[in-house]
Amino acid sequence: MPSWPMPATCRWWNFLASLPEHKTVLLDCVPTAENLAQRAFEILDAVYRDSYGKQLRLERLRLYETPNCWAEAICE
């Protein structure tokens, strides 16, 4: 559930809340494959740095939309 109150008449929220084991994720960007890949890279990069220091580094993340279509986030 969100941290803000949703009106009981909000049909889309009631629909999502009715789905078993559904988790709604709210983003501060448009959820394109490119934006999702970049956000995932940022999250995982921080985890890698905290866990492995300089011994292991995340350099690239590839997020597949279909077998022939993907978005990449690359370490700069």
PDB file of N, CA and C in Angstrom:
ATOM      1  N   MET A   1       0.842  -1.184   0.000  1.00  0.00           N
ATOM      2  CA  MET A   1       0.000   0.000   0.000  1.00  0.00           C
ATOM      3  C   MET A   1       0.887   1.248   0.000  1.00  0.00           C
ATOM      4  N   PRO A   2       0.394   2.314  -0.623  1.00  0.00           N
ATOM      5  CA  PRO A   2       1.196   3.539  -0.672  1.00  0.00           C
ATOM      6  C   PRO A   2       1.229   4.230   0.671  1.00  0.00           C
ATOM      7  N   SER A   3       2.162   5.152   0.820  1.00  0.00           N
ATOM      8  CA  SER A   3       2.287   5.896   2.071  1.00  0.00           C
ATOM      9  C   SER A   3       1.277   7.033   2.147  1.00  0.00           C
ATOM     10  N   TRP A   4       0.513   7.265   1.079  1.00  0.00           N
ATOM     11  CA  TRP A   4      -0.509   8.303   1.090  1.00  0.00           C
ATOM     12  C   TRP A   4      -1.875   7.620   0.998  1.00  0.00           C
ATOM     13  N   PRO A   5      -2.912   8.252   1.498  1.00  0.00           N
ATOM     14  CA  PRO A   5      -4.233   7.618   1.447  1.00  0.00           C
ATOM     15  C   PRO A   5      -4.816   7.622   0.039  1.00  0.00           C
ATOM     16  N   MET A   6      -5.339   6.501  -0.387  1.00  0.00           N
ATOM     17  CA  MET A   6      -6.007   6.404  -1.679  1.00  0.00           C
ATOM     18  C   MET A   6      -7.508   6.389  -1.427  1.00  0.00           C
ATOM     19  N   PRO A   7      -8.282   7.137  -2.205  1.00  0.00           N
ATOM     20  CA  PRO A   7      -9.728   7.126  -2.009  1.00  0.00           C
ATOM     21  C   PRO A   7     -10.310   5.751  -2.320  1.00  0.00           C
ATOM     22  N   ALA A   8     -11.339   5.367  -1.601  1.00  0.00           N
ATOM     23  CA  ALA A   8     -11.967   4.059  -1.802  1.00  0.00           C
ATOM     24  C   ALA A   8     -12.543   3.924  -3.201  1.00  0.00           C
ATOM     25  N   THR A   9     -12.796   5.031  -3.875  1.00  0.00           N
ATOM     26  CA  THR A   9     -13.364   5.002  -5.219  1.00  0.00           C
ATOM     27  C   THR A   9     -12.305   4.952  -6.313  1.00  0.00           C
ATOM     28  N   CYS A  10     -11.055   4.861  -5.959  1.00  0.00           N
ATOM     29  CA  CYS A  10      -9.979   4.820  -6.952  1.00  0.00           C
ATOM     30  C   CYS A  10      -9.974   3.424  -7.586  1.00  0.00           C
ATOM     31  N   ARG A  11     -10.553   3.306  -8.775  1.00  0.00           N
ATOM     32  CA  ARG A  11     -10.771   2.004  -9.401  1.00  0.00           C
ATOM     33  C   ARG A  11      -9.480   1.280  -9.739  1.00  0.00           C
ATOM     34  N   TRP A  12      -8.482   1.989 -10.276  1.00  0.00           N
ATOM     35  CA  TRP A  12      -7.244   1.301 -10.650  1.00  0.00           C
ATOM     36  C   TRP A  12      -6.512   0.782  -9.424  1.00  0.00           C
ATOM     37  N   TRP A  13      -6.553   1.552  -8.310  1.00  0.00           N
ATOM     38  CA  TRP A  13      -5.868   1.092  -7.103  1.00  0.00           C
ATOM     39  C   TRP A  13      -6.577  -0.113  -6.502  1.00  0.00           C
ATOM     40  N   ASN A  14      -7.903  -0.075  -6.509  1.00  0.00           N
ATOM     41  CA  ASN A  14      -8.667  -1.217  -5.993  1.00  0.00           C
ATOM     42  C   ASN A  14      -8.408  -2.463  -6.832  1.00  0.00           C
ATOM     43  N   PHE A  15      -8.292  -2.285  -8.154  1.00  0.00           N
ATOM     44  CA  PHE A  15      -7.985  -3.424  -9.020  1.00  0.00           C
ATOM     45  C   PHE A  15      -6.612  -4.004  -8.675  1.00  0.00           C
ATOM     46  N   LEU A  16      -5.591  -3.169  -8.581  1.00  0.00           N
ATOM     47  CA  LEU A  16      -4.247  -3.654  -8.250  1.00  0.00           C
ATOM     48  C   LEU A  16      -4.215  -4.309  -6.874  1.00  0.00           C
ATOM     49  N   ALA A  17      -4.922  -3.718  -5.919  1.00  0.00           N
ATOM     50  CA  ALA A  17      -4.950  -4.280  -4.559  1.00  0.00           C
ATOM     51  C   ALA A  17      -5.651  -5.639  -4.530  1.00  0.00           C
ATOM     52  N   SER A  18      -6.510  -5.922  -5.517  1.00  0.00           N
ATOM     53  CA  SER A  18      -7.236  -7.195  -5.535  1.00  0.00           C
ATOM     54  C   SER A  18      -6.410  -8.340  -6.119  1.00  0.00           C
ATOM     55  N   LEU A  19      -5.297  -8.044  -6.770  1.00  0.00           N
ATOM     56  CA  LEU A  19      -4.472  -9.085  -7.378  1.00  0.00           C
ATOM     57  C   LEU A  19      -3.628  -9.775  -6.312  1.00  0.00           C
ATOM     58  N   PRO A  20      -3.720 -11.108  -6.220  1.00  0.00           N
ATOM     59  CA  PRO A  20      -2.932 -11.815  -5.209  1.00  0.00           C
ATOM     60  C   PRO A  20      -1.429 -11.644  -5.440  1.00  0.00           C
ATOM     61  N   GLU A  21      -0.708 -11.335  -4.400  1.00  0.00           N
ATOM     62  CA  GLU A  21       0.746 -11.211  -4.400  1.00  0.00           C
ATOM     63  C   GLU A  21       1.280 -10.155  -5.379  1.00  0.00           C
ATOM     64  N   HIS A  22       0.432  -9.215  -5.791  1.00  0.00           N
ATOM     65  CA  HIS A  22       0.871  -8.143  -6.683  1.00  0.00           C
ATOM     66  C   HIS A  22       1.577  -7.060  -5.881  1.00  0.00           C
ATOM     67  N   LYS A  23       2.677  -6.560  -6.412  1.00  0.00           N
ATOM     68  CA  LYS A  23       3.399  -5.462  -5.780  1.00  0.00           C
ATOM     69  C   LYS A  23       3.505  -4.329  -6.778  1.00  0.00           C
ATOM     70  N   THR A  24       2.954  -3.190  -6.422  1.00  0.00           N
ATOM     71  CA  THR A  24       3.028  -2.017  -7.276  1.00  0.00           C
ATOM     72  C   THR A  24       4.295  -1.253  -6.948  1.00  0.00           C
ATOM     73  N   VAL A  25       5.033  -0.883  -7.970  1.00  0.00           N
ATOM     74  CA  VAL A  25       6.262  -0.121  -7.792  1.00  0.00           C
ATOM     75  C   VAL A  25       6.064   1.246  -8.435  1.00  0.00           C
ATOM     76  N   LEU A  26       6.279   2.285  -7.656  1.00  0.00           N
ATOM     77  CA  LEU A  26       6.170   3.647  -8.168  1.00  0.00           C
ATOM     78  C   LEU A  26       7.567   4.177  -8.422  1.00  0.00           C
ATOM     79  N   LEU A  27       7.773   4.746  -9.600  1.00  0.00           N
ATOM     80  CA  LEU A  27       9.079   5.264  -9.988  1.00  0.00           C
ATOM     81  C   LEU A  27       9.013   6.766 -10.191  1.00  0.00           C
ATOM     82  N   ASP A  28      10.159   7.395 -10.104  1.00  0.00           N
ATOM     83  CA  ASP A  28      10.224   8.835 -10.351  1.00  0.00           C
ATOM     84  C   ASP A  28      10.612   9.137 -11.799  1.00  0.00           C
ATOM     85  N   CYS A  29      10.415   8.138 -12.682  1.00  0.00           N
ATOM     86  CA  CYS A  29      10.711   8.303 -14.097  1.00  0.00           C
ATOM     87  C   CYS A  29       9.717   7.471 -14.903  1.00  0.00           C
ATOM     88  N   VAL A  30       9.697   7.699 -16.204  1.00  0.00           N
ATOM     89  CA  VAL A  30       8.869   6.889 -17.095  1.00  0.00           C
ATOM     90  C   VAL A  30       9.476   5.484 -17.141  1.00  0.00           C
ATOM     91  N   PRO A  31       8.680   4.419 -16.934  1.00  0.00           N
ATOM     92  CA  PRO A  31       9.243   3.069 -16.842  1.00  0.00           C
ATOM     93  C   PRO A  31       9.594   2.443 -18.196  1.00  0.00           C
ATOM     94  N   THR A  32      10.491   3.073 -18.927  1.00  0.00           N
ATOM     95  CA  THR A  32      10.993   2.487 -20.171  1.00  0.00           C
ATOM     96  C   THR A  32      12.068   1.462 -19.826  1.00  0.00           C
ATOM     97  N   ALA A  33      12.386   0.603 -20.764  1.00  0.00           N
ATOM     98  CA  ALA A  33      13.442  -0.388 -20.526  1.00  0.00           C
ATOM     99  C   ALA A  33      14.762   0.310 -20.210  1.00  0.00           C
ATOM    100  N   GLU A  34      15.032   1.413 -20.887  1.00  0.00           N
ATOM    101  CA  GLU A  34      16.275   2.151 -20.652  1.00  0.00           C
ATOM    102  C   GLU A  34      16.328   2.716 -19.229  1.00  0.00           C
ATOM    103  N   ASN A  35      15.237   3.297 -18.782  1.00  0.00           N
ATOM    104  CA  ASN A  35      15.196   3.849 -17.427  1.00  0.00           C
ATOM    105  C   ASN A  35      15.245   2.750 -16.371  1.00  0.00           C
ATOM    106  N   LEU A  36      14.555   1.625 -16.616  1.00  0.00           N
ATOM    107  CA  LEU A  36      14.589   0.508 -15.667  1.00  0.00           C
ATOM    108  C   LEU A  36      15.989  -0.091 -15.594  1.00  0.00           C
ATOM    109  N   ALA A  37      16.656  -0.214 -16.726  1.00  0.00           N
ATOM    110  CA  ALA A  37      18.033  -0.739 -16.733  1.00  0.00           C
ATOM    111  C   ALA A  37      18.953   0.186 -15.953  1.00  0.00           C
ATOM    112  N   GLN A  38      18.826   1.479 -16.158  1.00  0.00           N
ATOM    113  CA  GLN A  38      19.674   2.439 -15.445  1.00  0.00           C
ATOM    114  C   GLN A  38      19.415   2.390 -13.943  1.00  0.00           C
ATOM    115  N   ARG A  39      18.153   2.330 -13.551  1.00  0.00           N
ATOM    116  CA  ARG A  39      17.816   2.281 -12.113  1.00  0.00           C
ATOM    117  C   ARG A  39      18.334   0.988 -11.487  1.00  0.00           C
ATOM    118  N   ALA A  40      18.160  -0.143 -12.187  1.00  0.00           N
ATOM    119  CA  ALA A  40      18.666  -1.420 -11.674  1.00  0.00           C
ATOM    120  C   ALA A  40      20.174  -1.381 -11.541  1.00  0.00           C
ATOM    121  N   PHE A  41      20.853  -0.774 -12.523  1.00  0.00           N
ATOM    122  CA  PHE A  41      22.312  -0.653 -12.464  1.00  0.00           C
ATOM    123  C   PHE A  41      22.722   0.141 -11.225  1.00  0.00           C
ATOM    124  N   GLU A  42      22.064   1.259 -10.971  1.00  0.00           N
ATOM    125  CA  GLU A  42      22.392   2.095  -9.808  1.00  0.00           C
ATOM    126  C   GLU A  42      22.225   1.326  -8.502  1.00  0.00           C
ATOM    127  N   ILE A  43      21.145   0.570  -8.396  1.00  0.00           N
ATOM    128  CA  ILE A  43      20.899  -0.216  -7.174  1.00  0.00           C
ATOM    129  C   ILE A  43      21.951  -1.299  -7.011  1.00  0.00           C
ATOM    130  N   LEU A  44      22.178  -2.073  -8.082  1.00  0.00           N
ATOM    131  CA  LEU A  44      23.134  -3.184  -7.997  1.00  0.00           C
ATOM    132  C   LEU A  44      24.568  -2.700  -7.847  1.00  0.00           C
ATOM    133  N   ASP A  45      24.915  -1.589  -8.476  1.00  0.00           N
ATOM    134  CA  ASP A  45      26.267  -1.048  -8.352  1.00  0.00           C
ATOM    135  C   ASP A  45      26.579  -0.724  -6.889  1.00  0.00           C
ATOM    136  N   ALA A  46      25.622  -0.131  -6.199  1.00  0.00           N
ATOM    137  CA  ALA A  46      25.827   0.182  -4.776  1.00  0.00           C
ATOM    138  C   ALA A  46      25.988  -1.097  -3.953  1.00  0.00           C
ATOM    139  N   VAL A  47      25.218  -2.119  -4.266  1.00  0.00           N
ATOM    140  CA  VAL A  47      25.317  -3.397  -3.544  1.00  0.00           C
ATOM    141  C   VAL A  47      26.681  -4.038  -3.803  1.00  0.00           C
ATOM    142  N   TYR A  48      27.118  -4.041  -5.055  1.00  0.00           N
ATOM    143  CA  TYR A  48      28.432  -4.605  -5.387  1.00  0.00           C
ATOM    144  C   TYR A  48      29.544  -3.862  -4.649  1.00  0.00           C
ATOM    145  N   ARG A  49      29.504  -2.533  -4.649  1.00  0.00           N
ATOM    146  CA  ARG A  49      30.549  -1.755  -3.968  1.00  0.00           C
ATOM    147  C   ARG A  49      30.558  -2.044  -2.473  1.00  0.00           C
ATOM    148  N   ASP A  50      29.372  -2.121  -1.855  1.00  0.00           N
ATOM    149  CA  ASP A  50      29.286  -2.394  -0.419  1.00  0.00           C
ATOM    150  C   ASP A  50      29.749  -3.808  -0.081  1.00  0.00           C
ATOM    151  N   SER A  51      29.480  -4.755  -0.964  1.00  0.00           N
ATOM    152  CA  SER A  51      29.802  -6.155  -0.685  1.00  0.00           C
ATOM    153  C   SER A  51      31.225  -6.544  -1.063  1.00  0.00           C
ATOM    154  N   TYR A  52      31.727  -5.992  -2.172  1.00  0.00           N
ATOM    155  CA  TYR A  52      32.993  -6.462  -2.708  1.00  0.00           C
ATOM    156  C   TYR A  52      34.092  -5.406  -2.762  1.00  0.00           C
ATOM    157  N   GLY A  53      33.772  -4.171  -2.445  1.00  0.00           N
ATOM    158  CA  GLY A  53      34.776  -3.117  -2.511  1.00  0.00           C
ATOM    159  C   GLY A  53      35.337  -2.993  -3.914  1.00  0.00           C
ATOM    160  N   LYS A  54      36.659  -3.061  -4.035  1.00  0.00           N
ATOM    161  CA  LYS A  54      37.305  -2.940  -5.345  1.00  0.00           C
ATOM    162  C   LYS A  54      37.613  -4.298  -5.967  1.00  0.00           C
ATOM    163  N   GLN A  55      37.208  -5.392  -5.288  1.00  0.00           N
ATOM    164  CA  GLN A  55      37.507  -6.722  -5.803  1.00  0.00           C
ATOM    165  C   GLN A  55      36.611  -7.124  -6.972  1.00  0.00           C
ATOM    166  N   LEU A  56      35.395  -6.598  -7.002  1.00  0.00           N
ATOM    167  CA  LEU A  56      34.448  -6.931  -8.062  1.00  0.00           C
ATOM    168  C   LEU A  56      33.636  -5.685  -8.371  1.00  0.00           C
ATOM    169  N   ARG A  57      33.482  -5.390  -9.666  1.00  0.00           N
ATOM    170  CA  ARG A  57      32.799  -4.167 -10.066  1.00  0.00           C
ATOM    171  C   ARG A  57      31.753  -4.474 -11.135  1.00  0.00           C
ATOM    172  N   LEU A  58      30.593  -3.885 -10.994  1.00  0.00           N
ATOM    173  CA  LEU A  58      29.557  -4.012 -12.011  1.00  0.00           C
ATOM    174  C   LEU A  58      29.896  -3.064 -13.151  1.00  0.00           C
ATOM    175  N   GLU A  59      30.008  -3.604 -14.351  1.00  0.00           N
ATOM    176  CA  GLU A  59      30.364  -2.771 -15.500  1.00  0.00           C
ATOM    177  C   GLU A  59      29.216  -2.576 -16.469  1.00  0.00           C
ATOM    178  N   ARG A  60      28.327  -3.562 -16.567  1.00  0.00           N
ATOM    179  CA  ARG A  60      27.259  -3.486 -17.559  1.00  0.00           C
ATOM    180  C   ARG A  60      26.049  -4.274 -17.058  1.00  0.00           C
ATOM    181  N   LEU A  61      24.879  -3.755 -17.365  1.00  0.00           N
ATOM    182  CA  LEU A  61      23.638  -4.457 -17.064  1.00  0.00           C
ATOM    183  C   LEU A  61      22.798  -4.448 -18.334  1.00  0.00           C
ATOM    184  N   ARG A  62      22.289  -5.596 -18.717  1.00  0.00           N
ATOM    185  CA  ARG A  62      21.448  -5.706 -19.911  1.00  0.00           C
ATOM    186  C   ARG A  62      20.078  -6.207 -19.471  1.00  0.00           C
ATOM    187  N   LEU A  63      19.034  -5.456 -19.828  1.00  0.00           N
ATOM    188  CA  LEU A  63      17.657  -5.803 -19.499  1.00  0.00           C
ATOM    189  C   LEU A  63      16.928  -6.133 -20.795  1.00  0.00           C
ATOM    190  N   TYR A  64      16.480  -7.395 -20.910  1.00  0.00           N
ATOM    191  CA  TYR A  64      15.805  -7.836 -22.123  1.00  0.00           C
ATOM    192  C   TYR A  64      14.314  -7.546 -22.053  1.00  0.00           C
ATOM    193  N   GLU A  65      13.788  -6.951 -23.134  1.00  0.00           N
ATOM    194  CA  GLU A  65      12.341  -6.800 -23.314  1.00  0.00           C
ATOM    195  C   GLU A  65      11.801  -8.006 -24.077  1.00  0.00           C
ATOM    196  N   THR A  66      12.528  -8.418 -25.089  1.00  0.00           N
ATOM    197  CA  THR A  66      12.231  -9.598 -25.899  1.00  0.00           C
ATOM    198  C   THR A  66      13.584 -10.245 -26.203  1.00  0.00           C
ATOM    199  N   PRO A  67      13.606 -11.432 -26.814  1.00  0.00           N
ATOM    200  CA  PRO A  67      14.893 -12.055 -27.129  1.00  0.00           C
ATOM    201  C   PRO A  67      15.798 -11.191 -28.013  1.00  0.00           C
ATOM    202  N   ASN A  68      15.220 -10.305 -28.814  1.00  0.00           N
ATOM    203  CA  ASN A  68      16.011  -9.487 -29.736  1.00  0.00           C
ATOM    204  C   ASN A  68      16.021  -8.003 -29.399  1.00  0.00           C
ATOM    205  N   CYS A  69      15.505  -7.634 -28.259  1.00  0.00           N
ATOM    206  CA  CYS A  69      15.391  -6.215 -27.913  1.00  0.00           C
ATOM    207  C   CYS A  69      15.774  -6.023 -26.451  1.00  0.00           C
ATOM    208  N   TRP A  70      16.740  -5.153 -26.196  1.00  0.00           N
ATOM    209  CA  TRP A  70      17.192  -4.932 -24.833  1.00  0.00           C
ATOM    210  C   TRP A  70      17.662  -3.496 -24.648  1.00  0.00           C
ATOM    211  N   ALA A  71      17.840  -3.160 -23.390  1.00  0.00           N
ATOM    212  CA  ALA A  71      18.423  -1.866 -23.027  1.00  0.00           C
ATOM    213  C   ALA A  71      19.622  -2.164 -22.139  1.00  0.00           C
ATOM    214  N   GLU A  72      20.648  -1.338 -22.245  1.00  0.00           N
ATOM    215  CA  GLU A  72      21.852  -1.523 -21.451  1.00  0.00           C
ATOM    216  C   GLU A  72      22.169  -0.294 -20.643  1.00  0.00           C
ATOM    217  N   ALA A  73      22.717  -0.534 -19.466  1.00  0.00           N
ATOM    218  CA  ALA A  73      23.292   0.524 -18.652  1.00  0.00           C
ATOM    219  C   ALA A  73      24.761   0.146 -18.465  1.00  0.00           C
ATOM    220  N   ILE A  74      25.646   1.099 -18.697  1.00  0.00           N
ATOM    221  CA  ILE A  74      27.088   0.830 -18.670  1.00  0.00           C
ATOM    222  C   ILE A  74      27.756   1.775 -17.680  1.00  0.00           C
ATOM    223  N   CYS A  75      28.745   1.253 -16.960  1.00  0.00           N
ATOM    224  CA  CYS A  75      29.511   2.046 -16.017  1.00  0.00           C
ATOM    225  C   CYS A  75      30.252   3.151 -16.768  1.00  0.00           C
ATOM    226  N   GLU A  76      30.185   4.353 -16.252  1.00  0.00           N
ATOM    227  CA  GLU A  76      30.869   5.478 -16.905  1.00  0.00           C
ATOM    228  C   GLU A  76      32.198   5.760 -16.265  1.00  0.00           C
TER     229      GLU A  76
END
